[in-house]
């Protein structure tokens, strides 16, 4: 009985994975272009944020060094 139940669960897991793959294949040209543009926009937004974070880190290090020199 346990073997049958495990087989049924495995079957449904495999079926659900293949259904997700089919959804990706069914995307039309507009959806693919939208996904590509969205990914590009995310990258364009992330670059300045990452740059600001690194500037902040450098500034924090400089401030710590100045505080040590004052003490």
PDB file of N, CA and C in Angstrom:
ATOM      1  N   UNK A   1       0.814  -1.183   0.000  1.00  0.00           N
ATOM      2  CA  UNK A   1       0.000   0.000   0.000  1.00  0.00           C
ATOM      3  C   UNK A   1       0.870   1.264   0.000  1.00  0.00           C
ATOM      4  N   UNK A   2       1.921   1.245   0.832  1.00  0.00           N
ATOM      5  CA  UNK A   2       2.809   2.395   0.903  1.00  0.00           C
ATOM      6  C   UNK A   2       3.518   2.622  -0.434  1.00  0.00           C
ATOM      7  N   UNK A   3       3.824   1.531  -1.096  1.00  0.00           N
ATOM      8  CA  UNK A   3       4.525   1.630  -2.379  1.00  0.00           C
ATOM      9  C   UNK A   3       3.629   2.287  -3.427  1.00  0.00           C
ATOM     10  N   UNK A   4       2.358   1.947  -3.418  1.00  0.00           N
ATOM     11  CA  UNK A   4       1.419   2.543  -4.366  1.00  0.00           C
ATOM     12  C   UNK A   4       1.256   4.029  -4.077  1.00  0.00           C
ATOM     13  N   UNK A   5       1.120   4.372  -2.814  1.00  0.00           N
ATOM     14  CA  UNK A   5       0.973   5.776  -2.424  1.00  0.00           C
ATOM     15  C   UNK A   5       2.219   6.576  -2.820  1.00  0.00           C
ATOM     16  N   UNK A   6       3.388   6.013  -2.578  1.00  0.00           N
ATOM     17  CA  UNK A   6       4.634   6.690  -2.955  1.00  0.00           C
ATOM     18  C   UNK A   6       4.718   6.851  -4.466  1.00  0.00           C
ATOM     19  N   UNK A   7       4.279   5.853  -5.214  1.00  0.00           N
ATOM     20  CA  UNK A   7       4.291   5.931  -6.672  1.00  0.00           C
ATOM     21  C   UNK A   7       3.352   7.021  -7.181  1.00  0.00           C
ATOM     22  N   UNK A   8       2.189   7.124  -6.576  1.00  0.00           N
ATOM     23  CA  UNK A   8       1.219   8.152  -6.985  1.00  0.00           C
ATOM     24  C   UNK A   8       1.766   9.549  -6.688  1.00  0.00           C
ATOM     25  N   UNK A   9       2.366   9.716  -5.522  1.00  0.00           N
ATOM     26  CA  UNK A   9       2.938  11.021  -5.159  1.00  0.00           C
ATOM     27  C   UNK A   9       4.063  11.378  -6.119  1.00  0.00           C
ATOM     28  N   UNK A  10       4.917  10.426  -6.423  1.00  0.00           N
ATOM     29  CA  UNK A  10       6.018  10.655  -7.359  1.00  0.00           C
ATOM     30  C   UNK A  10       5.481  11.022  -8.739  1.00  0.00           C
ATOM     31  N   UNK A  11       4.428  10.355  -9.168  1.00  0.00           N
ATOM     32  CA  UNK A  11       3.819  10.647 -10.461  1.00  0.00           C
ATOM     33  C   UNK A  11       3.332  12.089 -10.522  1.00  0.00           C
ATOM     34  N   UNK A  12       2.640  12.533  -9.475  1.00  0.00           N
ATOM     35  CA  UNK A  12       2.123  13.899  -9.471  1.00  0.00           C
ATOM     36  C   UNK A  12       3.238  14.933  -9.391  1.00  0.00           C
ATOM     37  N   UNK A  13       4.304  14.626  -8.666  1.00  0.00           N
ATOM     38  CA  UNK A  13       5.442  15.546  -8.615  1.00  0.00           C
ATOM     39  C   UNK A  13       6.076  15.710  -9.991  1.00  0.00           C
ATOM     40  N   UNK A  14       6.265  14.612 -10.672  1.00  0.00           N
ATOM     41  CA  UNK A  14       6.848  14.670 -12.014  1.00  0.00           C
ATOM     42  C   UNK A  14       5.910  15.381 -12.985  1.00  0.00           C
ATOM     43  N   UNK A  15       4.635  15.158 -12.840  1.00  0.00           N
ATOM     44  CA  UNK A  15       3.650  15.799 -13.698  1.00  0.00           C
ATOM     45  C   UNK A  15       3.646  17.314 -13.491  1.00  0.00           C
ATOM     46  N   UNK A  16       3.753  17.746 -12.252  1.00  0.00           N
ATOM     47  CA  UNK A  16       3.747  19.185 -11.984  1.00  0.00           C
ATOM     48  C   UNK A  16       5.014  19.849 -12.515  1.00  0.00           C
ATOM     49  N   UNK A  17       6.143  19.163 -12.462  1.00  0.00           N
ATOM     50  CA  UNK A  17       7.384  19.731 -13.002  1.00  0.00           C
ATOM     51  C   UNK A  17       7.292  19.880 -14.518  1.00  0.00           C
ATOM     52  N   UNK A  18       6.735  18.904 -15.180  1.00  0.00           N
ATOM     53  CA  UNK A  18       6.643  18.991 -16.633  1.00  0.00           C
ATOM     54  C   UNK A  18       5.623  20.045 -17.059  1.00  0.00           C
ATOM     55  N   UNK A  19       4.623  20.317 -16.234  1.00  0.00           N
ATOM     56  CA  UNK A  19       3.640  21.351 -16.560  1.00  0.00           C
ATOM     57  C   UNK A  19       4.290  22.733 -16.522  1.00  0.00           C
ATOM     58  N   UNK A  20       5.216  22.964 -15.605  1.00  0.00           N
ATOM     59  CA  UNK A  20       5.922  24.238 -15.543  1.00  0.00           C
ATOM     60  C   UNK A  20       6.778  24.444 -16.777  1.00  0.00           C
ATOM     61  N   UNK A  21       7.422  23.395 -17.252  1.00  0.00           N
ATOM     62  CA  UNK A  21       8.234  23.496 -18.462  1.00  0.00           C
ATOM     63  C   UNK A  21       7.373  23.846 -19.670  1.00  0.00           C
ATOM     64  N   UNK A  22       6.187  23.289 -19.728  1.00  0.00           N
ATOM     65  CA  UNK A  22       5.299  23.558 -20.851  1.00  0.00           C
ATOM     66  C   UNK A  22       4.856  25.020 -20.853  1.00  0.00           C
ATOM     67  N   UNK A  23       4.679  25.602 -19.693  1.00  0.00           N
ATOM     68  CA  UNK A  23       4.281  27.007 -19.616  1.00  0.00           C
ATOM     69  C   UNK A  23       5.366  27.897 -20.203  1.00  0.00           C
ATOM     70  N   UNK A  24       6.629  27.579 -19.920  1.00  0.00           N
ATOM     71  CA  UNK A  24       7.734  28.373 -20.452  1.00  0.00           C
ATOM     72  C   UNK A  24       7.803  28.274 -21.971  1.00  0.00           C
ATOM     73  N   UNK A  25       7.523  27.104 -22.496  1.00  0.00           N
ATOM     74  CA  UNK A  25       7.595  26.908 -23.938  1.00  0.00           C
ATOM     75  C   UNK A  25       6.454  27.616 -24.663  1.00  0.00           C
ATOM     76  N   UNK A  26       5.343  27.832 -23.981  1.00  0.00           N
ATOM     77  CA  UNK A  26       4.177  28.432 -24.607  1.00  0.00           C
ATOM     78  C   UNK A  26       4.236  29.957 -24.644  1.00  0.00           C
ATOM     79  N   UNK A  27       5.273  30.571 -24.071  1.00  0.00           N
ATOM     80  CA  UNK A  27       5.365  32.027 -24.073  1.00  0.00           C
ATOM     81  C   UNK A  27       5.474  32.541 -25.491  1.00  0.00           C
ATOM     82  N   UNK A  28       4.722  33.576 -25.763  1.00  0.00           N
ATOM     83  CA  UNK A  28       4.760  34.178 -27.077  1.00  0.00           C
ATOM     84  C   UNK A  28       5.880  35.199 -27.175  1.00  0.00           C
ATOM     85  N   UNK A  29       5.993  35.798 -28.328  1.00  0.00           N
ATOM     86  CA  UNK A  29       7.045  36.767 -28.577  1.00  0.00           C
ATOM     87  C   UNK A  29       6.943  37.989 -27.688  1.00  0.00           C
ATOM     88  N   UNK A  30       5.733  38.432 -27.423  1.00  0.00           N
ATOM     89  CA  UNK A  30       5.538  39.617 -26.580  1.00  0.00           C
ATOM     90  C   UNK A  30       5.952  39.324 -25.144  1.00  0.00           C
ATOM     91  N   UNK A  31       5.574  38.164 -24.642  1.00  0.00           N
ATOM     92  CA  UNK A  31       5.938  37.804 -23.271  1.00  0.00           C
ATOM     93  C   UNK A  31       7.447  37.655 -23.125  1.00  0.00           C
ATOM     94  N   UNK A  32       8.091  37.066 -24.121  1.00  0.00           N
ATOM     95  CA  UNK A  32       9.545  36.922 -24.063  1.00  0.00           C
ATOM     96  C   UNK A  32      10.219  38.283 -24.092  1.00  0.00           C
ATOM     97  N   UNK A  33       9.728  39.178 -24.938  1.00  0.00           N
ATOM     98  CA  UNK A  33      10.298  40.524 -25.011  1.00  0.00           C
ATOM     99  C   UNK A  33      10.065  41.273 -23.700  1.00  0.00           C
ATOM    100  N   UNK A  34       8.907  41.098 -23.104  1.00  0.00           N
ATOM    101  CA  UNK A  34       8.604  41.737 -21.830  1.00  0.00           C
ATOM    102  C   UNK A  34       9.539  41.232 -20.742  1.00  0.00           C
ATOM    103  N   UNK A  35       9.773  39.929 -20.705  1.00  0.00           N
ATOM    104  CA  UNK A  35      10.686  39.363 -19.724  1.00  0.00           C
ATOM    105  C   UNK A  35      12.103  39.902 -19.910  1.00  0.00           C
ATOM    106  N   UNK A  36      12.530  40.014 -21.167  1.00  0.00           N
ATOM    107  CA  UNK A  36      13.877  40.498 -21.453  1.00  0.00           C
ATOM    108  C   UNK A  36      14.022  41.954 -21.019  1.00  0.00           C
ATOM    109  N   UNK A  37      13.033  42.772 -21.347  1.00  0.00           N
ATOM    110  CA  UNK A  37      13.075  44.186 -20.972  1.00  0.00           C
ATOM    111  C   UNK A  37      13.030  44.334 -19.454  1.00  0.00           C
ATOM    112  N   UNK A  38      12.224  43.539 -18.800  1.00  0.00           N
ATOM    113  CA  UNK A  38      12.142  43.596 -17.341  1.00  0.00           C
ATOM    114  C   UNK A  38      13.489  43.245 -16.708  1.00  0.00           C
ATOM    115  N   UNK A  39      14.158  42.229 -17.234  1.00  0.00           N
ATOM    116  CA  UNK A  39      15.468  41.850 -16.704  1.00  0.00           C
ATOM    117  C   UNK A  39      16.482  42.972 -16.913  1.00  0.00           C
ATOM    118  N   UNK A  40      16.433  43.622 -18.074  1.00  0.00           N
ATOM    119  CA  UNK A  40      17.341  44.739 -18.339  1.00  0.00           C
ATOM    120  C   UNK A  40      17.080  45.892 -17.376  1.00  0.00           C
ATOM    121  N   UNK A  41      15.829  46.191 -17.120  1.00  0.00           N
ATOM    122  CA  UNK A  41      15.493  47.284 -16.219  1.00  0.00           C
ATOM    123  C   UNK A  41      15.946  46.987 -14.789  1.00  0.00           C
ATOM    124  N   UNK A  42      15.810  45.754 -14.383  1.00  0.00           N
ATOM    125  CA  UNK A  42      16.267  45.371 -13.042  1.00  0.00           C
ATOM    126  C   UNK A  42      17.767  45.609 -12.928  1.00  0.00           C
ATOM    127  N   UNK A  43      18.511  45.231 -13.954  1.00  0.00           N
ATOM    128  CA  UNK A  43      19.959  45.446 -13.945  1.00  0.00           C
ATOM    129  C   UNK A  43      20.288  46.934 -13.902  1.00  0.00           C
ATOM    130  N   UNK A  44      19.563  47.737 -14.666  1.00  0.00           N
ATOM    131  CA  UNK A  44      19.814  49.180 -14.686  1.00  0.00           C
ATOM    132  C   UNK A  44      19.504  49.811 -13.335  1.00  0.00           C
ATOM    133  N   UNK A  45      18.543  49.280 -12.630  1.00  0.00           N
ATOM    134  CA  UNK A  45      18.207  49.800 -11.305  1.00  0.00           C
ATOM    135  C   UNK A  45      19.221  49.325 -10.274  1.00  0.00           C
ATOM    136  N   UNK A  46      19.685  48.094 -10.393  1.00  0.00           N
ATOM    137  CA  UNK A  46      20.608  47.524  -9.408  1.00  0.00           C
ATOM    138  C   UNK A  46      21.982  48.181  -9.453  1.00  0.00           C
ATOM    139  N   UNK A  47      22.461  48.561 -10.629  1.00  0.00           N
ATOM    140  CA  UNK A  47      23.813  49.108 -10.746  1.00  0.00           C
ATOM    141  C   UNK A  47      24.011  50.345  -9.877  1.00  0.00           C
ATOM    142  N   UNK A  48      23.156  51.373  -9.949  1.00  0.00           N
ATOM    143  CA  UNK A  48      23.371  52.532  -9.077  1.00  0.00           C
ATOM    144  C   UNK A  48      23.225  52.208  -7.593  1.00  0.00           C
ATOM    145  N   UNK A  49      22.333  51.296  -7.275  1.00  0.00           N
ATOM    146  CA  UNK A  49      22.150  50.913  -5.872  1.00  0.00           C
ATOM    147  C   UNK A  49      23.408  50.225  -5.355  1.00  0.00           C
ATOM    148  N   UNK A  50      23.972  49.318  -6.140  1.00  0.00           N
ATOM    149  CA  UNK A  50      25.206  48.640  -5.746  1.00  0.00           C
ATOM    150  C   UNK A  50      26.355  49.634  -5.620  1.00  0.00           C
ATOM    151  N   UNK A  51      26.428  50.591  -6.535  1.00  0.00           N
ATOM    152  CA  UNK A  51      27.483  51.607  -6.469  1.00  0.00           C
ATOM    153  C   UNK A  51      27.326  52.439  -5.199  1.00  0.00           C
ATOM    154  N   UNK A  52      26.117  52.810  -4.868  1.00  0.00           N
ATOM    155  CA  UNK A  52      25.877  53.592  -3.655  1.00  0.00           C
ATOM    156  C   UNK A  52      26.252  52.806  -2.407  1.00  0.00           C
ATOM    157  N   UNK A  53      25.973  51.527  -2.413  1.00  0.00           N
ATOM    158  CA  UNK A  53      26.346  50.687  -1.260  1.00  0.00           C
ATOM    159  C   UNK A  53      27.858  50.632  -1.095  1.00  0.00           C
ATOM    160  N   UNK A  54      28.583  50.475  -2.201  1.00  0.00           N
ATOM    161  CA  UNK A  54      30.035  50.408  -2.076  1.00  0.00           C
ATOM    162  C   UNK A  54      30.607  51.750  -1.641  1.00  0.00           C
ATOM    163  N   UNK A  55      30.027  52.846  -2.101  1.00  0.00           N
ATOM    164  CA  UNK A  55      30.484  54.165  -1.649  1.00  0.00           C
ATOM    165  C   UNK A  55      30.220  54.316  -0.157  1.00  0.00           C
ATOM    166  N   UNK A  56      29.069  53.862   0.285  1.00  0.00           N
ATOM    167  CA  UNK A  56      28.740  53.932   1.711  1.00  0.00           C
ATOM    168  C   UNK A  56      29.746  53.140   2.535  1.00  0.00           C
ATOM    169  N   UNK A  57      30.104  51.936   2.064  1.00  0.00           N
ATOM    170  CA  UNK A  57      31.063  51.108   2.790  1.00  0.00           C
ATOM    171  C   UNK A  57      32.427  51.794   2.878  1.00  0.00           C
ATOM    172  N   UNK A  58      32.867  52.400   1.777  1.00  0.00           N
ATOM    173  CA  UNK A  58      34.146  53.101   1.777  1.00  0.00           C
ATOM    174  C   UNK A  58      34.098  54.281   2.745  1.00  0.00           C
ATOM    175  N   UNK A  59      32.987  55.005   2.732  1.00  0.00           N
ATOM    176  CA  UNK A  59      32.832  56.151   3.624  1.00  0.00           C
ATOM    177  C   UNK A  59      32.833  55.716   5.081  1.00  0.00           C
ATOM    178  N   UNK A  60      32.177  54.598   5.385  1.00  0.00           N
ATOM    179  CA  UNK A  60      32.159  54.091   6.761  1.00  0.00           C
ATOM    180  C   UNK A  60      33.563  53.699   7.205  1.00  0.00           C
ATOM    181  N   UNK A  61      34.326  53.067   6.323  1.00  0.00           N
ATOM    182  CA  UNK A  61      35.698  52.693   6.664  1.00  0.00           C
ATOM    183  C   UNK A  61      36.551  53.938   6.910  1.00  0.00           C
ATOM    184  N   UNK A  62      36.387  54.938   6.077  1.00  0.00           N
ATOM    185  CA  UNK A  62      37.153  56.178   6.231  1.00  0.00           C
ATOM    186  C   UNK A  62      36.800  56.862   7.548  1.00  0.00           C
ATOM    187  N   UNK A  63      35.519  56.864   7.892  1.00  0.00           N
ATOM    188  CA  UNK A  63      35.076  57.478   9.139  1.00  0.00           C
ATOM    189  C   UNK A  63      35.662  56.738  10.336  1.00  0.00           C
ATOM    190  N   UNK A  64      35.691  55.414  10.287  1.00  0.00           N
ATOM    191  CA  UNK A  64      36.274  54.629  11.378  1.00  0.00           C
ATOM    192  C   UNK A  64      37.759  54.941  11.528  1.00  0.00           C
ATOM    193  N   UNK A  65      38.467  55.056  10.416  1.00  0.00           N
ATOM    194  CA  UNK A  65      39.905  55.366  10.480  1.00  0.00           C
ATOM    195  C   UNK A  65      40.122  56.747  11.072  1.00  0.00           C
ATOM    196  N   UNK A  66      39.298  57.710  10.708  1.00  0.00           N
ATOM    197  CA  UNK A  66      39.431  59.070  11.256  1.00  0.00           C
ATOM    198  C   UNK A  66      39.171  59.073  12.757  1.00  0.00           C
ATOM    199  N   UNK A  67      38.178  58.314  13.197  1.00  0.00           N
ATOM    200  CA  UNK A  67      37.877  58.243  14.630  1.00  0.00           C
ATOM    201  C   UNK A  67      39.044  57.629  15.395  1.00  0.00           C
ATOM    202  N   UNK A  68      39.688  56.617  14.820  1.00  0.00           N
ATOM    203  CA  UNK A  68      40.846  55.990  15.474  1.00  0.00           C
ATOM    204  C   UNK A  68      41.996  56.975  15.559  1.00  0.00           C
ATOM    205  N   UNK A  69      42.182  57.783  14.529  1.00  0.00           N
ATOM    206  CA  UNK A  69      43.274  58.746  14.529  1.00  0.00           C
ATOM    207  C   UNK A  69      43.031  59.850  15.561  1.00  0.00           C
ATOM    208  N   UNK A  70      41.779  60.212  15.771  1.00  0.00           N
ATOM    209  CA  UNK A  70      41.447  61.256  16.740  1.00  0.00           C
ATOM    210  C   UNK A  70      41.712  60.752  18.163  1.00  0.00           C
ATOM    211  N   UNK A  71      41.425  59.513  18.420  1.00  0.00           N
ATOM    212  CA  UNK A  71      41.607  58.940  19.767  1.00  0.00           C
ATOM    213  C   UNK A  71      43.039  58.800  20.040  1.00  0.00           C
TER     214      UNK A  71
END
